[in-house]
Amino acid sequence: MKEIKQSEFTEQTKEGVCLIDFFATWCAPCRMMSQILEDVDRELDGKVKILKVDVDENEDLARTYGILSIPTLIIFKDGVAKEKHVGVWLAHDCVDALKKYL
């Protein structure tokens, strides 16, 4: 998983399937989600790019995507937001959702 800045966002999400984790370092559920996303990444074996965006450092980007609670995860396919999930997402549910876009 790679943490990205607003300046990298369009380039990183423009091709393929990406899962963006909007988080904050002080958020306990966000830290729990990071562990879950490591499992998701292993299970999908690199077929999906999993990226993280710190909402405190990228406020404009968080505002653009209507991030009001964290963690919020958004699935992108070829640069288009397809699905949004707010809160901790169980690994198997996350994998099932991502597989729809592969």
PDB file of N, CA and C in Angstrom:
ATOM      1  N   MET A   1       0.853  -1.179   0.000  1.00  0.00           N
ATOM      2  CA  MET A   1       0.000   0.000   0.000  1.00  0.00           C
ATOM      3  C   MET A   1       0.890   1.230   0.000  1.00  0.00           C
ATOM      4  N   LYS A   2       0.463   2.187  -0.773  1.00  0.00           N
ATOM      5  CA  LYS A   2       1.252   3.405  -0.920  1.00  0.00           C
ATOM      6  C   LYS A   2       0.392   4.600  -0.520  1.00  0.00           C
ATOM      7  N   GLU A   3       0.979   5.519   0.237  1.00  0.00           N
ATOM      8  CA  GLU A   3       0.288   6.759   0.565  1.00  0.00           C
ATOM      9  C   GLU A   3       0.589   7.766  -0.539  1.00  0.00           C
ATOM     10  N   ILE A   4      -0.466   8.410  -1.030  1.00  0.00           N
ATOM     11  CA  ILE A   4      -0.289   9.378  -2.110  1.00  0.00           C
ATOM     12  C   ILE A   4      -0.813  10.749  -1.703  1.00  0.00           C
ATOM     13  N   LYS A   5      -0.354  11.744  -2.434  1.00  0.00           N
ATOM     14  CA  LYS A   5      -0.786  13.136  -2.245  1.00  0.00           C
ATOM     15  C   LYS A   5      -1.768  13.505  -3.348  1.00  0.00           C
ATOM     16  N   GLN A   6      -2.428  14.632  -3.180  1.00  0.00           N
ATOM     17  CA  GLN A   6      -3.392  15.111  -4.167  1.00  0.00           C
ATOM     18  C   GLN A   6      -2.754  15.238  -5.550  1.00  0.00           C
ATOM     19  N   SER A   7      -1.511  15.667  -5.607  1.00  0.00           N
ATOM     20  CA  SER A   7      -0.832  15.872  -6.893  1.00  0.00           C
ATOM     21  C   SER A   7      -0.632  14.568  -7.666  1.00  0.00           C
ATOM     22  N   GLU A   8      -0.656  13.446  -6.986  1.00  0.00           N
ATOM     23  CA  GLU A   8      -0.469  12.140  -7.628  1.00  0.00           C
ATOM     24  C   GLU A   8      -1.780  11.429  -7.933  1.00  0.00           C
ATOM     25  N   PHE A   9      -2.871  11.909  -7.388  1.00  0.00           N
ATOM     26  CA  PHE A   9      -4.128  11.171  -7.369  1.00  0.00           C
ATOM     27  C   PHE A   9      -4.614  10.785  -8.765  1.00  0.00           C
ATOM     28  N   THR A  10      -4.708  11.722  -9.672  1.00  0.00           N
ATOM     29  CA  THR A  10      -5.239  11.442 -11.008  1.00  0.00           C
ATOM     30  C   THR A  10      -4.377  10.424 -11.736  1.00  0.00           C
ATOM     31  N   GLU A  11      -3.084  10.597 -11.672  1.00  0.00           N
ATOM     32  CA  GLU A  11      -2.161   9.667 -12.340  1.00  0.00           C
ATOM     33  C   GLU A  11      -2.285   8.253 -11.761  1.00  0.00           C
ATOM     34  N   GLN A  12      -2.399   8.155 -10.451  1.00  0.00           N
ATOM     35  CA  GLN A  12      -2.449   6.848  -9.792  1.00  0.00           C
ATOM     36  C   GLN A  12      -3.766   6.110 -10.020  1.00  0.00           C
ATOM     37  N   THR A  13      -4.850   6.831 -10.246  1.00  0.00           N
ATOM     38  CA  THR A  13      -6.165   6.187 -10.360  1.00  0.00           C
ATOM     39  C   THR A  13      -6.671   6.067 -11.791  1.00  0.00           C
ATOM     40  N   LYS A  14      -5.920   6.558 -12.763  1.00  0.00           N
ATOM     41  CA  LYS A  14      -6.467   6.655 -14.123  1.00  0.00           C
ATOM     42  C   LYS A  14      -6.615   5.318 -14.846  1.00  0.00           C
ATOM     43  N   GLU A  15      -5.873   4.290 -14.467  1.00  0.00           N
ATOM     44  CA  GLU A  15      -5.955   3.012 -15.167  1.00  0.00           C
ATOM     45  C   GLU A  15      -6.155   1.869 -14.190  1.00  0.00           C
ATOM     46  N   GLY A  16      -7.004   0.939 -14.573  1.00  0.00           N
ATOM     47  CA  GLY A  16      -7.224  -0.256 -13.764  1.00  0.00           C
ATOM     48  C   GLY A  16      -8.116  -0.004 -12.572  1.00  0.00           C
ATOM     49  N   VAL A  17      -8.081  -0.954 -11.651  1.00  0.00           N
ATOM     50  CA  VAL A  17      -8.910  -0.887 -10.448  1.00  0.00           C
ATOM     51  C   VAL A  17      -8.032  -0.433  -9.278  1.00  0.00           C
ATOM     52  N   CYS A  18      -8.497   0.597  -8.578  1.00  0.00           N
ATOM     53  CA  CYS A  18      -7.790   1.135  -7.411  1.00  0.00           C
ATOM     54  C   CYS A  18      -8.763   1.222  -6.244  1.00  0.00           C
ATOM     55  N   LEU A  19      -8.252   0.950  -5.087  1.00  0.00           N
ATOM     56  CA  LEU A  19      -9.006   1.162  -3.859  1.00  0.00           C
ATOM     57  C   LEU A  19      -8.287   2.254  -3.089  1.00  0.00           C
ATOM     58  N   ILE A  20      -8.995   3.344  -2.829  1.00  0.00           N
ATOM     59  CA  ILE A  20      -8.426   4.468  -2.093  1.00  0.00           C
ATOM     60  C   ILE A  20      -8.965   4.445  -0.669  1.00  0.00           C
ATOM     61  N   ASP A  21      -8.058   4.436   0.289  1.00  0.00           N
ATOM     62  CA  ASP A  21      -8.398   4.477   1.707  1.00  0.00           C
ATOM     63  C   ASP A  21      -8.145   5.896   2.207  1.00  0.00           C
ATOM     64  N   PHE A  22      -9.218   6.646   2.434  1.00  0.00           N
ATOM     65  CA  PHE A  22      -9.107   7.980   3.022  1.00  0.00           C
ATOM     66  C   PHE A  22      -9.048   7.784   4.534  1.00  0.00           C
ATOM     67  N   PHE A  23      -7.967   8.251   5.163  1.00  0.00           N
ATOM     68  CA  PHE A  23      -7.702   7.962   6.568  1.00  0.00           C
ATOM     69  C   PHE A  23      -7.054   9.163   7.255  1.00  0.00           C
ATOM     70  N   ALA A  24      -6.845   9.014   8.563  1.00  0.00           N
ATOM     71  CA  ALA A  24      -6.035   9.963   9.341  1.00  0.00           C
ATOM     72  C   ALA A  24      -5.189   9.156  10.308  1.00  0.00           C
ATOM     73  N   THR A  25      -4.017   9.668  10.608  1.00  0.00           N
ATOM     74  CA  THR A  25      -3.091   8.936  11.470  1.00  0.00           C
ATOM     75  C   THR A  25      -3.609   8.776  12.895  1.00  0.00           C
ATOM     76  N   TRP A  26      -4.445   9.702  13.344  1.00  0.00           N
ATOM     77  CA  TRP A  26      -4.959   9.671  14.715  1.00  0.00           C
ATOM     78  C   TRP A  26      -6.198   8.781  14.873  1.00  0.00           C
ATOM     79  N   CYS A  27      -6.695   8.214  13.785  1.00  0.00           N
ATOM     80  CA  CYS A  27      -7.966   7.478  13.764  1.00  0.00           C
ATOM     81  C   CYS A  27      -7.740   5.985  14.034  1.00  0.00           C
ATOM     82  N   ALA A  28      -8.236   5.484  15.177  1.00  0.00           N
ATOM     83  CA  ALA A  28      -8.064   4.071  15.536  1.00  0.00           C
ATOM     84  C   ALA A  28      -8.718   3.124  14.527  1.00  0.00           C
ATOM     85  N   PRO A  29      -9.970   3.367  14.082  1.00  0.00           N
ATOM     86  CA  PRO A  29     -10.549   2.485  13.070  1.00  0.00           C
ATOM     87  C   PRO A  29      -9.751   2.495  11.754  1.00  0.00           C
ATOM     88  N   CYS A  30      -9.110   3.605  11.455  1.00  0.00           N
ATOM     89  CA  CYS A  30      -8.271   3.678  10.242  1.00  0.00           C
ATOM     90  C   CYS A  30      -7.065   2.758  10.371  1.00  0.00           C
ATOM     91  N   ARG A  31      -6.476   2.707  11.552  1.00  0.00           N
ATOM     92  CA  ARG A  31      -5.336   1.806  11.767  1.00  0.00           C
ATOM     93  C   ARG A  31      -5.779   0.351  11.635  1.00  0.00           C
ATOM     94  N   MET A  32      -6.985   0.041  12.124  1.00  0.00           N
ATOM     95  CA  MET A  32      -7.526  -1.302  11.983  1.00  0.00           C
ATOM     96  C   MET A  32      -7.753  -1.627  10.503  1.00  0.00           C
ATOM     97  N   MET A  33      -8.240  -0.641   9.761  1.00  0.00           N
ATOM     98  CA  MET A  33      -8.503  -0.842   8.326  1.00  0.00           C
ATOM     99  C   MET A  33      -7.205  -1.096   7.572  1.00  0.00           C
ATOM    100  N   SER A  34      -6.127  -0.479   7.979  1.00  0.00           N
ATOM    101  CA  SER A  34      -4.832  -0.706   7.324  1.00  0.00           C
ATOM    102  C   SER A  34      -4.424  -2.170   7.407  1.00  0.00           C
ATOM    103  N   GLN A  35      -4.635  -2.774   8.560  1.00  0.00           N
ATOM    104  CA  GLN A  35      -4.317  -4.198   8.716  1.00  0.00           C
ATOM    105  C   GLN A  35      -5.194  -5.053   7.804  1.00  0.00           C
ATOM    106  N   ILE A  36      -6.470  -4.718   7.727  1.00  0.00           N
ATOM    107  CA  ILE A  36      -7.401  -5.456   6.860  1.00  0.00           C
ATOM    108  C   ILE A  36      -6.979  -5.315   5.402  1.00  0.00           C
ATOM    109  N   LEU A  37      -6.579  -4.117   5.003  1.00  0.00           N
ATOM    110  CA  LEU A  37      -6.188  -3.890   3.614  1.00  0.00           C
ATOM    111  C   LEU A  37      -4.921  -4.649   3.243  1.00  0.00           C
ATOM    112  N   GLU A  38      -4.059  -4.906   4.199  1.00  0.00           N
ATOM    113  CA  GLU A  38      -2.886  -5.743   3.920  1.00  0.00           C
ATOM    114  C   GLU A  38      -3.336  -7.153   3.544  1.00  0.00           C
ATOM    115  N   ASP A  39      -4.353  -7.681   4.235  1.00  0.00           N
ATOM    116  CA  ASP A  39      -4.906  -8.994   3.902  1.00  0.00           C
ATOM    117  C   ASP A  39      -5.557  -8.974   2.523  1.00  0.00           C
ATOM    118  N   VAL A  40      -6.299  -7.918   2.242  1.00  0.00           N
ATOM    119  CA  VAL A  40      -6.960  -7.778   0.933  1.00  0.00           C
ATOM    120  C   VAL A  40      -5.912  -7.752  -0.175  1.00  0.00           C
ATOM    121  N   ASP A  41      -4.858  -6.998   0.033  1.00  0.00           N
ATOM    122  CA  ASP A  41      -3.789  -6.885  -0.955  1.00  0.00           C
ATOM    123  C   ASP A  41      -3.155  -8.253  -1.224  1.00  0.00           C
ATOM    124  N   ARG A  42      -2.889  -9.012  -0.174  1.00  0.00           N
ATOM    125  CA  ARG A  42      -2.312 -10.354  -0.346  1.00  0.00           C
ATOM    126  C   ARG A  42      -3.266 -11.258  -1.118  1.00  0.00           C
ATOM    127  N   GLU A  43      -4.549 -11.202  -0.763  1.00  0.00           N
ATOM    128  CA  GLU A  43      -5.520 -12.090  -1.405  1.00  0.00           C
ATOM    129  C   GLU A  43      -5.690 -11.767  -2.891  1.00  0.00           C
ATOM    130  N   LEU A  44      -5.671 -10.503  -3.237  1.00  0.00           N
ATOM    131  CA  LEU A  44      -5.868 -10.113  -4.642  1.00  0.00           C
ATOM    132  C   LEU A  44      -4.563 -10.124  -5.436  1.00  0.00           C
ATOM    133  N   ASP A  45      -3.453 -10.352  -4.768  1.00  0.00           N
ATOM    134  CA  ASP A  45      -2.164 -10.586  -5.410  1.00  0.00           C
ATOM    135  C   ASP A  45      -1.800  -9.542  -6.476  1.00  0.00           C
ATOM    136  N   GLY A  46      -1.943  -8.265  -6.112  1.00  0.00           N
ATOM    137  CA  GLY A  46      -1.506  -7.201  -7.010  1.00  0.00           C
ATOM    138  C   GLY A  46      -2.459  -6.849  -8.140  1.00  0.00           C
ATOM    139  N   LYS A  47      -3.631  -7.446  -8.184  1.00  0.00           N
ATOM    140  CA  LYS A  47      -4.590  -7.150  -9.256  1.00  0.00           C
ATOM    141  C   LYS A  47      -5.283  -5.805  -9.059  1.00  0.00           C
ATOM    142  N   VAL A  48      -5.226  -5.300  -7.836  1.00  0.00           N
ATOM    143  CA  VAL A  48      -5.847  -4.022  -7.481  1.00  0.00           C
ATOM    144  C   VAL A  48      -4.787  -3.164  -6.812  1.00  0.00           C
ATOM    145  N   LYS A  49      -4.736  -1.908  -7.196  1.00  0.00           N
ATOM    146  CA  LYS A  49      -3.820  -0.959  -6.560  1.00  0.00           C
ATOM    147  C   LYS A  49      -4.524  -0.411  -5.316  1.00  0.00           C
ATOM    148  N   ILE A  50      -3.900  -0.591  -4.153  1.00  0.00           N
ATOM    149  CA  ILE A  50      -4.463  -0.079  -2.902  1.00  0.00           C
ATOM    150  C   ILE A  50      -3.623   1.114  -2.471  1.00  0.00           C
ATOM    151  N   LEU A  51      -4.291   2.263  -2.379  1.00  0.00           N
ATOM    152  CA  LEU A  51      -3.617   3.525  -2.077  1.00  0.00           C
ATOM    153  C   LEU A  51      -4.261   4.175  -0.861  1.00  0.00           C
ATOM    154  N   LYS A  52      -3.491   4.989  -0.155  1.00  0.00           N
ATOM    155  CA  LYS A  52      -3.982   5.676   1.034  1.00  0.00           C
ATOM    156  C   LYS A  52      -3.848   7.187   0.842  1.00  0.00           C
ATOM    157  N   VAL A  53      -4.848   7.926   1.322  1.00  0.00           N
ATOM    158  CA  VAL A  53      -4.834   9.388   1.273  1.00  0.00           C
ATOM    159  C   VAL A  53      -5.126   9.904   2.677  1.00  0.00           C
ATOM    160  N   ASP A  54      -4.179  10.645   3.235  1.00  0.00           N
ATOM    161  CA  ASP A  54      -4.342  11.248   4.560  1.00  0.00           C
ATOM    162  C   ASP A  54      -5.228  12.482   4.406  1.00  0.00           C
ATOM    163  N   VAL A  55      -6.408  12.451   5.028  1.00  0.00           N
ATOM    164  CA  VAL A  55      -7.365  13.550   4.864  1.00  0.00           C
ATOM    165  C   VAL A  55      -6.875  14.851   5.497  1.00  0.00           C
ATOM    166  N   ASP A  56      -6.024  14.753   6.516  1.00  0.00           N
ATOM    167  CA  ASP A  56      -5.502  15.967   7.154  1.00  0.00           C
ATOM    168  C   ASP A  56      -4.501  16.683   6.248  1.00  0.00           C
ATOM    169  N   GLU A  57      -3.796  15.943   5.430  1.00  0.00           N
ATOM    170  CA  GLU A  57      -2.804  16.533   4.531  1.00  0.00           C
ATOM    171  C   GLU A  57      -3.365  16.839   3.141  1.00  0.00           C
ATOM    172  N   ASN A  58      -4.535  16.305   2.833  1.00  0.00           N
ATOM    173  CA  ASN A  58      -5.134  16.449   1.501  1.00  0.00           C
ATOM    174  C   ASN A  58      -6.608  16.834   1.624  1.00  0.00           C
ATOM    175  N   GLU A  59      -6.851  17.940   2.318  1.00  0.00           N
ATOM    176  CA  GLU A  59      -8.223  18.361   2.620  1.00  0.00           C
ATOM    177  C   GLU A  59      -9.051  18.627   1.368  1.00  0.00           C
ATOM    178  N   ASP A  60      -8.462  19.232   0.350  1.00  0.00           N
ATOM    179  CA  ASP A  60      -9.217  19.525  -0.874  1.00  0.00           C
ATOM    180  C   ASP A  60      -9.677  18.244  -1.558  1.00  0.00           C
ATOM    181  N   LEU A  61      -8.823  17.256  -1.593  1.00  0.00           N
ATOM    182  CA  LEU A  61      -9.171  15.980  -2.207  1.00  0.00           C
ATOM    183  C   LEU A  61     -10.276  15.286  -1.406  1.00  0.00           C
ATOM    184  N   ALA A  62     -10.163  15.318  -0.097  1.00  0.00           N
ATOM    185  CA  ALA A  62     -11.209  14.737   0.750  1.00  0.00           C
ATOM    186  C   ALA A  62     -12.542  15.452   0.523  1.00  0.00           C
ATOM    187  N   ARG A  63     -12.495  16.745   0.403  1.00  0.00           N
ATOM    188  CA  ARG A  63     -13.713  17.526   0.143  1.00  0.00           C
ATOM    189  C   ARG A  63     -14.302  17.172  -1.216  1.00  0.00           C
ATOM    190  N   THR A  64     -13.455  17.026  -2.226  1.00  0.00           N
ATOM    191  CA  THR A  64     -13.901  16.678  -3.580  1.00  0.00           C
ATOM    192  C   THR A  64     -14.711  15.381  -3.577  1.00  0.00           C
ATOM    193  N   TYR A  65     -14.290  14.412  -2.769  1.00  0.00           N
ATOM    194  CA  TYR A  65     -14.971  13.115  -2.744  1.00  0.00           C
ATOM    195  C   TYR A  65     -15.951  12.978  -1.587  1.00  0.00           C
ATOM    196  N   GLY A  66     -16.272  14.076  -0.934  1.00  0.00           N
ATOM    197  CA  GLY A  66     -17.308  14.082   0.097  1.00  0.00           C
ATOM    198  C   GLY A  66     -16.980  13.227   1.303  1.00  0.00           C
ATOM    199  N   ILE A  67     -15.720  13.242   1.706  1.00  0.00           N
ATOM    200  CA  ILE A  67     -15.302  12.442   2.859  1.00  0.00           C
ATOM    201  C   ILE A  67     -15.689  13.188   4.134  1.00  0.00           C
ATOM    202  N   LEU A  68     -16.676  12.649   4.840  1.00  0.00           N
ATOM    203  CA  LEU A  68     -17.155  13.264   6.072  1.00  0.00           C
ATOM    204  C   LEU A  68     -16.784  12.431   7.292  1.00  0.00           C
ATOM    205  N   SER A  69     -16.552  11.133   7.087  1.00  0.00           N
ATOM    206  CA  SER A  69     -16.159  10.211   8.155  1.00  0.00           C
ATOM    207  C   SER A  69     -15.006   9.364   7.639  1.00  0.00           C
ATOM    208  N   ILE A  70     -14.181   8.917   8.566  1.00  0.00           N
ATOM    209  CA  ILE A  70     -13.076   8.052   8.175  1.00  0.00           C
ATOM    210  C   ILE A  70     -13.070   6.816   9.066  1.00  0.00           C
ATOM    211  N   PRO A  71     -12.597   5.703   8.556  1.00  0.00           N
ATOM    212  CA  PRO A  71     -12.106   5.520   7.202  1.00  0.00           C
ATOM    213  C   PRO A  71     -13.247   5.509   6.183  1.00  0.00           C
ATOM    214  N   THR A  72     -12.960   6.044   5.003  1.00  0.00           N
ATOM    215  CA  THR A  72     -13.843   5.920   3.852  1.00  0.00           C
ATOM    216  C   THR A  72     -13.010   5.326   2.730  1.00  0.00           C
ATOM    217  N   LEU A  73     -13.563   4.316   2.082  1.00  0.00           N
ATOM    218  CA  LEU A  73     -12.869   3.635   0.988  1.00  0.00           C
ATOM    219  C   LEU A  73     -13.671   3.806  -0.286  1.00  0.00           C
ATOM    220  N   ILE A  74     -12.987   4.149  -1.359  1.00  0.00           N
ATOM    221  CA  ILE A  74     -13.643   4.328  -2.656  1.00  0.00           C
ATOM    222  C   ILE A  74     -12.936   3.457  -3.683  1.00  0.00           C
ATOM    223  N   ILE A  75     -13.728   2.705  -4.426  1.00  0.00           N
ATOM    224  CA  ILE A  75     -13.193   1.893  -5.522  1.00  0.00           C
ATOM    225  C   ILE A  75     -13.265   2.726  -6.797  1.00  0.00           C
ATOM    226  N   PHE A  76     -12.134   2.805  -7.495  1.00  0.00           N
ATOM    227  CA  PHE A  76     -12.047   3.497  -8.782  1.00  0.00           C
ATOM    228  C   PHE A  76     -11.755   2.484  -9.873  1.00  0.00           C
ATOM    229  N   LYS A  77     -12.397   2.657 -11.012  1.00  0.00           N
ATOM    230  CA  LYS A  77     -12.097   1.843 -12.198  1.00  0.00           C
ATOM    231  C   LYS A  77     -11.792   2.820 -13.325  1.00  0.00           C
ATOM    232  N   ASP A  78     -10.580   2.765 -13.832  1.00  0.00           N
ATOM    233  CA  ASP A  78     -10.139   3.647 -14.917  1.00  0.00           C
ATOM    234  C   ASP A  78     -10.457   5.115 -14.636  1.00  0.00           C
ATOM    235  N   GLY A  79     -10.174   5.555 -13.414  1.00  0.00           N
ATOM    236  CA  GLY A  79     -10.301   6.947 -13.039  1.00  0.00           C
ATOM    237  C   GLY A  79     -11.681   7.402 -12.588  1.00  0.00           C
ATOM    238  N   VAL A  80     -12.653   6.491 -12.582  1.00  0.00           N
ATOM    239  CA  VAL A  80     -14.022   6.843 -12.212  1.00  0.00           C
ATOM    240  C   VAL A  80     -14.382   6.161 -10.886  1.00  0.00           C
ATOM    241  N   ALA A  81     -14.895   6.946  -9.939  1.00  0.00           N
ATOM    242  CA  ALA A  81     -15.340   6.390  -8.665  1.00  0.00           C
ATOM    243  C   ALA A  81     -16.568   5.519  -8.900  1.00  0.00           C
ATOM    244  N   LYS A  82     -16.490   4.275  -8.452  1.00  0.00           N
ATOM    245  CA  LYS A  82     -17.569   3.312  -8.695  1.00  0.00           C
ATOM    246  C   LYS A  82     -18.353   2.955  -7.445  1.00  0.00           C
ATOM    247  N   GLU A  83     -17.669   2.896  -6.321  1.00  0.00           N
ATOM    248  CA  GLU A  83     -18.316   2.422  -5.101  1.00  0.00           C
ATOM    249  C   GLU A  83     -17.639   3.050  -3.892  1.00  0.00           C
ATOM    250  N   LYS A  84     -18.441   3.391  -2.880  1.00  0.00           N
ATOM    251  CA  LYS A  84     -17.920   4.054  -1.677  1.00  0.00           C
ATOM    252  C   LYS A  84     -18.392   3.293  -0.442  1.00  0.00           C
ATOM    253  N   HIS A  85     -17.480   3.109   0.501  1.00  0.00           N
ATOM    254  CA  HIS A  85     -17.813   2.445   1.755  1.00  0.00           C
ATOM    255  C   HIS A  85     -17.260   3.280   2.910  1.00  0.00           C
ATOM    256  N   VAL A  86     -18.115   3.556   3.886  1.00  0.00           N
ATOM    257  CA  VAL A  86     -17.706   4.338   5.053  1.00  0.00           C
ATOM    258  C   VAL A  86     -17.615   3.405   6.252  1.00  0.00           C
ATOM    259  N   GLY A  87     -16.493   3.492   6.971  1.00  0.00           N
ATOM    260  CA  GLY A  87     -16.288   2.660   8.148  1.00  0.00           C
ATOM    261  C   GLY A  87     -15.387   1.478   7.841  1.00  0.00           C
ATOM    262  N   VAL A  88     -15.148   0.675   8.868  1.00  0.00           N
ATOM    263  CA  VAL A  88     -14.300  -0.502   8.703  1.00  0.00           C
ATOM    264  C   VAL A  88     -15.028  -1.503   7.807  1.00  0.00           C
ATOM    265  N   TRP A  89     -14.275  -2.043   6.849  1.00  0.00           N
ATOM    266  CA  TRP A  89     -14.820  -2.965   5.861  1.00  0.00           C
ATOM    267  C   TRP A  89     -14.147  -4.305   6.066  1.00  0.00           C
ATOM    268  N   LEU A  90     -14.918  -5.346   6.302  1.00  0.00           N
ATOM    269  CA  LEU A  90     -14.344  -6.679   6.482  1.00  0.00           C
ATOM    270  C   LEU A  90     -13.632  -7.114   5.207  1.00  0.00           C
ATOM    271  N   ALA A  91     -12.538  -7.834   5.374  1.00  0.00           N
ATOM    272  CA  ALA A  91     -11.691  -8.207   4.234  1.00  0.00           C
ATOM    273  C   ALA A  91     -12.463  -8.949   3.155  1.00  0.00           C
ATOM    274  N   HIS A  92     -13.263  -9.951   3.521  1.00  0.00           N
ATOM    275  CA  HIS A  92     -13.956 -10.728   2.486  1.00  0.00           C
ATOM    276  C   HIS A  92     -14.989  -9.889   1.735  1.00  0.00           C
ATOM    277  N   ASP A  93     -15.634  -8.952   2.412  1.00  0.00           N
ATOM    278  CA  ASP A  93     -16.598  -8.073   1.742  1.00  0.00           C
ATOM    279  C   ASP A  93     -15.877  -7.116   0.791  1.00  0.00           C
ATOM    280  N   CYS A  94     -14.736  -6.620   1.221  1.00  0.00           N
ATOM    281  CA  CYS A  94     -13.931  -5.722   0.395  1.00  0.00           C
ATOM    282  C   CYS A  94     -13.440  -6.451  -0.857  1.00  0.00           C
ATOM    283  N   VAL A  95     -12.935  -7.671  -0.685  1.00  0.00           N
ATOM    284  CA  VAL A  95     -12.454  -8.466  -1.817  1.00  0.00           C
ATOM    285  C   VAL A  95     -13.595  -8.737  -2.796  1.00  0.00           C
ATOM    286  N   ASP A  96     -14.755  -9.127  -2.277  1.00  0.00           N
ATOM    287  CA  ASP A  96     -15.911  -9.388  -3.149  1.00  0.00           C
ATOM    288  C   ASP A  96     -16.283  -8.157  -3.961  1.00  0.00           C
ATOM    289  N   ALA A  97     -16.286  -6.992  -3.320  1.00  0.00           N
ATOM    290  CA  ALA A  97     -16.627  -5.749  -4.019  1.00  0.00           C
ATOM    291  C   ALA A  97     -15.601  -5.444  -5.108  1.00  0.00           C
ATOM    292  N   LEU A  98     -14.330  -5.614  -4.807  1.00  0.00           N
ATOM    293  CA  LEU A  98     -13.271  -5.308  -5.773  1.00  0.00           C
ATOM    294  C   LEU A  98     -13.303  -6.260  -6.962  1.00  0.00           C
ATOM    295  N   LYS A  99     -13.603  -7.513  -6.732  1.00  0.00           N
ATOM    296  CA  LYS A  99     -13.633  -8.520  -7.811  1.00  0.00           C
ATOM    297  C   LYS A  99     -14.662  -8.176  -8.876  1.00  0.00           C
ATOM    298  N   LYS A 100     -15.707  -7.446  -8.510  1.00  0.00           N
ATOM    299  CA  LYS A 100     -16.729  -7.041  -9.497  1.00  0.00           C
ATOM    300  C   LYS A 100     -16.138  -6.157 -10.590  1.00  0.00           C
ATOM    301  N   TYR A 101     -15.035  -5.476 -10.307  1.00  0.00           N
ATOM    302  CA  TYR A 101     -14.470  -4.520 -11.244  1.00  0.00           C
ATOM    303  C   TYR A 101     -13.225  -5.039 -11.969  1.00  0.00           C
ATOM    304  N   LEU A 102     -12.823  -6.268 -11.691  1.00  0.00           N
ATOM    305  CA  LEU A 102     -11.642  -6.840 -12.354  1.00  0.00           C
ATOM    306  C   LEU A 102     -12.007  -7.435 -13.709  1.00  0.00           C
TER     307      LEU A 102
END
